[in-house]
Amino acid sequence: MADPFLKLIEEAIYLEWNIGKLYTLFHSMFPEDAEFWWLLALEEKNHAALIRSGLEYFTTGNYFPASLVDMNMEGLKVANQKVLSWLREFEENPPTRKAAFEIGLEIENFAGELHFQNYVESQGSSRIDLIFKELNRHDKDHAKRIRLYMDKVGYDCI
């Protein structure tokens, strides 16, 4: 596996992990939505673990499904920096409940997150694709779930 590809996978893992950390922060800040944010945080961390396992087990034979991660390193880095800046900011200056939902929607529309979602929904037919999709079959469409939850609690969707 080429070194730039390895760096790309690591950046994608880092993005998923950081999003999980941000959702965990929302979980602790908004008790009324704690269960919702906790589930999303776990799923994002699961995405990171899924990509990490692919890195550890499928790259040796070049079996890693390249379409699993966004191939735009700059986009992944920008998204990561944005999430990290929110983490720093919100520890000092917590967002409003509505802002947390809006940020969640923004995150789920990042190129890397959309790419992961598109991969999970695609018709890939390799054995590796089927394994990754089966492992991730319940952890999908976070943007839709955030919108539905916002509707449920009475916030207009963006």
C-alpha atoms as a PDB file:
ATOM      1  CA  MET A   1       0.000   0.000   0.000  1.00  0.00           C
ATOM      2  CA  ALA A   2       1.347   3.430  -0.919  1.00  0.00           C
ATOM      3  CA  ASP A   3       2.301   5.760   1.912  1.00  0.00           C
ATOM      4  CA  PRO A   4      -0.085   8.573   0.785  1.00  0.00           C
ATOM      5  CA  PHE A   5      -2.951   6.084   0.912  1.00  0.00           C
ATOM      6  CA  LEU A   6      -1.966   5.092   4.450  1.00  0.00           C
ATOM      7  CA  LYS A   7      -1.947   8.756   5.498  1.00  0.00           C
ATOM      8  CA  LEU A   8      -5.366   9.223   3.907  1.00  0.00           C
ATOM      9  CA  ILE A   9      -6.807   6.270   5.835  1.00  0.00           C
ATOM     10  CA  GLU A  10      -5.296   7.551   9.079  1.00  0.00           C
ATOM     11  CA  GLU A  11      -6.799  11.009   8.493  1.00  0.00           C
ATOM     12  CA  ALA A  12     -10.218   9.415   7.863  1.00  0.00           C
ATOM     13  CA  ILE A  13      -9.900   7.430  11.111  1.00  0.00           C
ATOM     14  CA  TYR A  14      -8.906  10.598  12.953  1.00  0.00           C
ATOM     15  CA  LEU A  15     -11.958  12.439  11.566  1.00  0.00           C
ATOM     16  CA  GLU A  16     -14.374   9.705  12.649  1.00  0.00           C
ATOM     17  CA  TRP A  17     -12.773   9.572  16.101  1.00  0.00           C
ATOM     18  CA  ASN A  18     -12.920  13.365  16.549  1.00  0.00           C
ATOM     19  CA  ILE A  19     -16.553  13.493  15.508  1.00  0.00           C
ATOM     20  CA  GLY A  20     -17.226  10.815  18.119  1.00  0.00           C
ATOM     21  CA  LYS A  21     -15.469  12.964  20.724  1.00  0.00           C
ATOM     22  CA  LEU A  22     -17.574  15.990  19.775  1.00  0.00           C
ATOM     23  CA  TYR A  23     -20.797  13.982  19.994  1.00  0.00           C
ATOM     24  CA  THR A  24     -19.638  12.666  23.376  1.00  0.00           C
ATOM     25  CA  LEU A  25     -19.204  16.281  24.493  1.00  0.00           C
ATOM     26  CA  PHE A  26     -22.759  17.045  23.317  1.00  0.00           C
ATOM     27  CA  HIS A  27     -23.908  13.970  25.244  1.00  0.00           C
ATOM     28  CA  SER A  28     -22.537  15.453  28.462  1.00  0.00           C
ATOM     29  CA  MET A  29     -23.784  18.990  27.738  1.00  0.00           C
ATOM     30  CA  PHE A  30     -27.381  18.171  26.874  1.00  0.00           C
ATOM     31  CA  PRO A  31     -28.883  15.652  29.311  1.00  0.00           C
ATOM     32  CA  GLU A  32     -32.244  15.829  27.553  1.00  0.00           C
ATOM     33  CA  ASP A  33     -30.557  14.520  24.381  1.00  0.00           C
ATOM     34  CA  ALA A  34     -27.862  12.411  26.052  1.00  0.00           C
ATOM     35  CA  GLU A  35     -29.027   9.070  24.691  1.00  0.00           C
ATOM     36  CA  PHE A  36     -29.261  10.424  21.134  1.00  0.00           C
ATOM     37  CA  TRP A  37     -25.762  11.951  21.157  1.00  0.00           C
ATOM     38  CA  TRP A  38     -24.286   8.903  22.914  1.00  0.00           C
ATOM     39  CA  LEU A  39     -25.537   6.573  20.202  1.00  0.00           C
ATOM     40  CA  LEU A  40     -24.133   8.793  17.440  1.00  0.00           C
ATOM     41  CA  ALA A  41     -20.814   9.080  19.305  1.00  0.00           C
ATOM     42  CA  LEU A  42     -20.574   5.299  19.581  1.00  0.00           C
ATOM     43  CA  GLU A  43     -21.359   4.882  15.911  1.00  0.00           C
ATOM     44  CA  GLU A  44     -18.715   7.422  14.859  1.00  0.00           C
ATOM     45  CA  LYS A  45     -16.152   5.672  17.028  1.00  0.00           C
ATOM     46  CA  ASN A  46     -17.303   2.395  15.471  1.00  0.00           C
ATOM     47  CA  HIS A  47     -16.667   3.887  12.024  1.00  0.00           C
ATOM     48  CA  ALA A  48     -13.128   4.764  13.157  1.00  0.00           C
ATOM     49  CA  ALA A  49     -12.622   1.231  14.496  1.00  0.00           C
ATOM     50  CA  LEU A  50     -14.016  -0.298  11.313  1.00  0.00           C
ATOM     51  CA  ILE A  51     -11.610   1.680   9.136  1.00  0.00           C
ATOM     52  CA  ARG A  52      -8.757   0.910  11.556  1.00  0.00           C
ATOM     53  CA  SER A  53      -9.521  -2.817  11.359  1.00  0.00           C
ATOM     54  CA  GLY A  54      -9.523  -2.578   7.584  1.00  0.00           C
ATOM     55  CA  LEU A  55      -6.161  -0.881   7.772  1.00  0.00           C
ATOM     56  CA  GLU A  56      -4.767  -3.584  10.042  1.00  0.00           C
ATOM     57  CA  TYR A  57      -6.238  -6.647   8.347  1.00  0.00           C
ATOM     58  CA  PHE A  58      -6.877  -5.882   4.694  1.00  0.00           C
ATOM     59  CA  THR A  59      -4.025  -3.659   3.543  1.00  0.00           C
ATOM     60  CA  THR A  60      -1.360  -6.375   3.568  1.00  0.00           C
ATOM     61  CA  GLY A  61      -2.849  -7.980   0.463  1.00  0.00           C
ATOM     62  CA  ASN A  62      -4.134  -4.699  -0.981  1.00  0.00           C
ATOM     63  CA  TYR A  63      -7.676  -5.765  -0.124  1.00  0.00           C
ATOM     64  CA  PHE A  64      -8.623  -2.540   1.648  1.00  0.00           C
ATOM     65  CA  PRO A  65     -11.687  -1.095  -0.098  1.00  0.00           C
ATOM     66  CA  ALA A  66     -10.293   2.235  -1.278  1.00  0.00           C
ATOM     67  CA  SER A  67     -13.813   3.547  -1.843  1.00  0.00           C
ATOM     68  CA  LEU A  68     -14.438   3.340   1.932  1.00  0.00           C
ATOM     69  CA  VAL A  69     -12.607   6.611   2.592  1.00  0.00           C
ATOM     70  CA  ASP A  70     -12.749  10.000   0.936  1.00  0.00           C
ATOM     71  CA  MET A  71      -9.711  10.309  -1.308  1.00  0.00           C
ATOM     72  CA  ASN A  72      -9.457  14.075  -0.805  1.00  0.00           C
ATOM     73  CA  MET A  73      -6.773  14.555   1.858  1.00  0.00           C
ATOM     74  CA  GLU A  74      -7.246  18.314   1.978  1.00  0.00           C
ATOM     75  CA  GLY A  75     -10.987  17.939   2.616  1.00  0.00           C
ATOM     76  CA  LEU A  76     -10.354  15.438   5.396  1.00  0.00           C
ATOM     77  CA  LYS A  77      -7.793  17.742   7.018  1.00  0.00           C
ATOM     78  CA  VAL A  78     -10.095  20.772   6.832  1.00  0.00           C
ATOM     79  CA  ALA A  79     -12.960  18.775   8.356  1.00  0.00           C
ATOM     80  CA  ASN A  80     -10.700  17.510  11.125  1.00  0.00           C
ATOM     81  CA  GLN A  81      -9.459  20.999  11.928  1.00  0.00           C
ATOM     82  CA  LYS A  82     -13.022  22.290  12.098  1.00  0.00           C
ATOM     83  CA  VAL A  83     -14.087  19.528  14.499  1.00  0.00           C
ATOM     84  CA  LEU A  84     -10.987  20.074  16.657  1.00  0.00           C
ATOM     85  CA  SER A  85     -11.677  23.801  16.800  1.00  0.00           C
ATOM     86  CA  TRP A  86     -15.267  23.122  17.923  1.00  0.00           C
ATOM     87  CA  LEU A  87     -13.976  20.761  20.620  1.00  0.00           C
ATOM     88  CA  ARG A  88     -11.660  23.480  21.973  1.00  0.00           C
ATOM     89  CA  GLU A  89     -14.282  26.217  21.705  1.00  0.00           C
ATOM     90  CA  PHE A  90     -17.103  24.269  23.324  1.00  0.00           C
ATOM     91  CA  GLU A  91     -15.088  23.280  26.353  1.00  0.00           C
ATOM     92  CA  GLU A  92     -14.898  27.007  27.164  1.00  0.00           C
ATOM     93  CA  ASN A  93     -18.086  28.264  25.537  1.00  0.00           C
ATOM     94  CA  PRO A  94     -20.757  25.540  25.138  1.00  0.00           C
ATOM     95  CA  PRO A  95     -23.117  25.819  22.168  1.00  0.00           C
ATOM     96  CA  THR A  96     -26.856  26.090  22.501  1.00  0.00           C
ATOM     97  CA  ARG A  97     -28.846  22.917  22.131  1.00  0.00           C
ATOM     98  CA  LYS A  98     -30.067  24.001  18.697  1.00  0.00           C
ATOM     99  CA  ALA A  99     -26.524  24.924  17.625  1.00  0.00           C
ATOM    100  CA  ALA A 100     -25.378  21.410  18.591  1.00  0.00           C
ATOM    101  CA  PHE A 101     -27.977  19.934  16.230  1.00  0.00           C
ATOM    102  CA  GLU A 102     -26.983  22.355  13.462  1.00  0.00           C
ATOM    103  CA  ILE A 103     -23.328  21.435  13.939  1.00  0.00           C
ATOM    104  CA  GLY A 104     -24.238  17.752  13.833  1.00  0.00           C
ATOM    105  CA  LEU A 105     -25.962  18.309  10.494  1.00  0.00           C
ATOM    106  CA  GLU A 106     -22.992  20.282   9.194  1.00  0.00           C
ATOM    107  CA  ILE A 107     -20.627  17.495  10.247  1.00  0.00           C
ATOM    108  CA  GLU A 108     -22.717  14.805   8.616  1.00  0.00           C
ATOM    109  CA  ASN A 109     -22.588  16.791   5.384  1.00  0.00           C
ATOM    110  CA  PHE A 110     -18.768  16.974   5.382  1.00  0.00           C
ATOM    111  CA  ALA A 111     -17.348  15.307   2.309  1.00  0.00           C
ATOM    112  CA  GLY A 112     -15.729  12.519   4.363  1.00  0.00           C
ATOM    113  CA  GLU A 113     -18.950  11.646   6.146  1.00  0.00           C
ATOM    114  CA  LEU A 114     -20.981  11.742   2.935  1.00  0.00           C
ATOM    115  CA  HIS A 115     -18.370   9.554   1.287  1.00  0.00           C
ATOM    116  CA  PHE A 116     -18.631   6.971   4.093  1.00  0.00           C
ATOM    117  CA  GLN A 117     -22.449   7.064   3.842  1.00  0.00           C
ATOM    118  CA  ASN A 118     -22.333   6.629   0.066  1.00  0.00           C
ATOM    119  CA  TYR A 119     -19.976   3.676   0.441  1.00  0.00           C
ATOM    120  CA  VAL A 120     -22.303   1.958   2.908  1.00  0.00           C
ATOM    121  CA  GLU A 121     -25.258   2.460   0.558  1.00  0.00           C
ATOM    122  CA  SER A 122     -23.406   1.497  -2.634  1.00  0.00           C
ATOM    123  CA  GLN A 123     -23.808  -1.807  -4.451  1.00  0.00           C
ATOM    124  CA  GLY A 124     -20.182  -2.957  -4.001  1.00  0.00           C
ATOM    125  CA  SER A 125     -20.019  -6.671  -4.512  1.00  0.00           C
ATOM    126  CA  SER A 126     -16.558  -7.736  -3.388  1.00  0.00           C
ATOM    127  CA  ARG A 127     -16.326  -9.960  -0.337  1.00  0.00           C
ATOM    128  CA  ILE A 128     -14.503  -7.195   1.543  1.00  0.00           C
ATOM    129  CA  ASP A 129     -17.242  -4.666   0.644  1.00  0.00           C
ATOM    130  CA  LEU A 130     -19.883  -7.053   1.934  1.00  0.00           C
ATOM    131  CA  ILE A 131     -17.983  -7.583   5.210  1.00  0.00           C
ATOM    132  CA  PHE A 132     -17.602  -3.837   5.830  1.00  0.00           C
ATOM    133  CA  LYS A 133     -21.226  -3.152   4.974  1.00  0.00           C
ATOM    134  CA  GLU A 134     -22.485  -5.928   7.227  1.00  0.00           C
ATOM    135  CA  LEU A 135     -20.385  -4.652  10.114  1.00  0.00           C
ATOM    136  CA  ASN A 136     -21.784  -1.164   9.602  1.00  0.00           C
ATOM    137  CA  ARG A 137     -25.359  -1.923   8.566  1.00  0.00           C
ATOM    138  CA  HIS A 138     -27.028  -0.169  11.524  1.00  0.00           C
ATOM    139  CA  ASP A 139     -24.698   2.825  11.797  1.00  0.00           C
ATOM    140  CA  LYS A 140     -25.817   4.943   8.899  1.00  0.00           C
ATOM    141  CA  ASP A 141     -27.535   8.075   7.727  1.00  0.00           C
ATOM    142  CA  HIS A 142     -26.744  10.239  10.718  1.00  0.00           C
ATOM    143  CA  ALA A 143     -27.898  13.431   8.949  1.00  0.00           C
ATOM    144  CA  LYS A 144     -31.364  11.943   8.418  1.00  0.00           C
ATOM    145  CA  ARG A 145     -31.488  10.758  12.027  1.00  0.00           C
ATOM    146  CA  ILE A 146     -30.458  14.188  13.313  1.00  0.00           C
ATOM    147  CA  ARG A 147     -33.209  15.841  11.236  1.00  0.00           C
ATOM    148  CA  LEU A 148     -35.803  13.346  12.492  1.00  0.00           C
ATOM    149  CA  TYR A 149     -34.708  13.884  16.092  1.00  0.00           C
ATOM    150  CA  MET A 150     -34.813  17.674  15.629  1.00  0.00           C
ATOM    151  CA  ASP A 151     -38.377  17.354  14.351  1.00  0.00           C
ATOM    152  CA  LYS A 152     -39.257  15.141  17.308  1.00  0.00           C
ATOM    153  CA  VAL A 153     -37.984  17.673  19.852  1.00  0.00           C
ATOM    154  CA  GLY A 154     -39.457  20.655  18.016  1.00  0.00           C
ATOM    155  CA  TYR A 155     -36.543  22.255  16.171  1.00  0.00           C
ATOM    156  CA  ASP A 156     -36.945  23.253  12.559  1.00  0.00           C
ATOM    157  CA  CYS A 157     -34.549  21.453  10.277  1.00  0.00           C
ATOM    158  CA  ILE A 158     -32.106  23.497   8.304  1.00  0.00           C
END
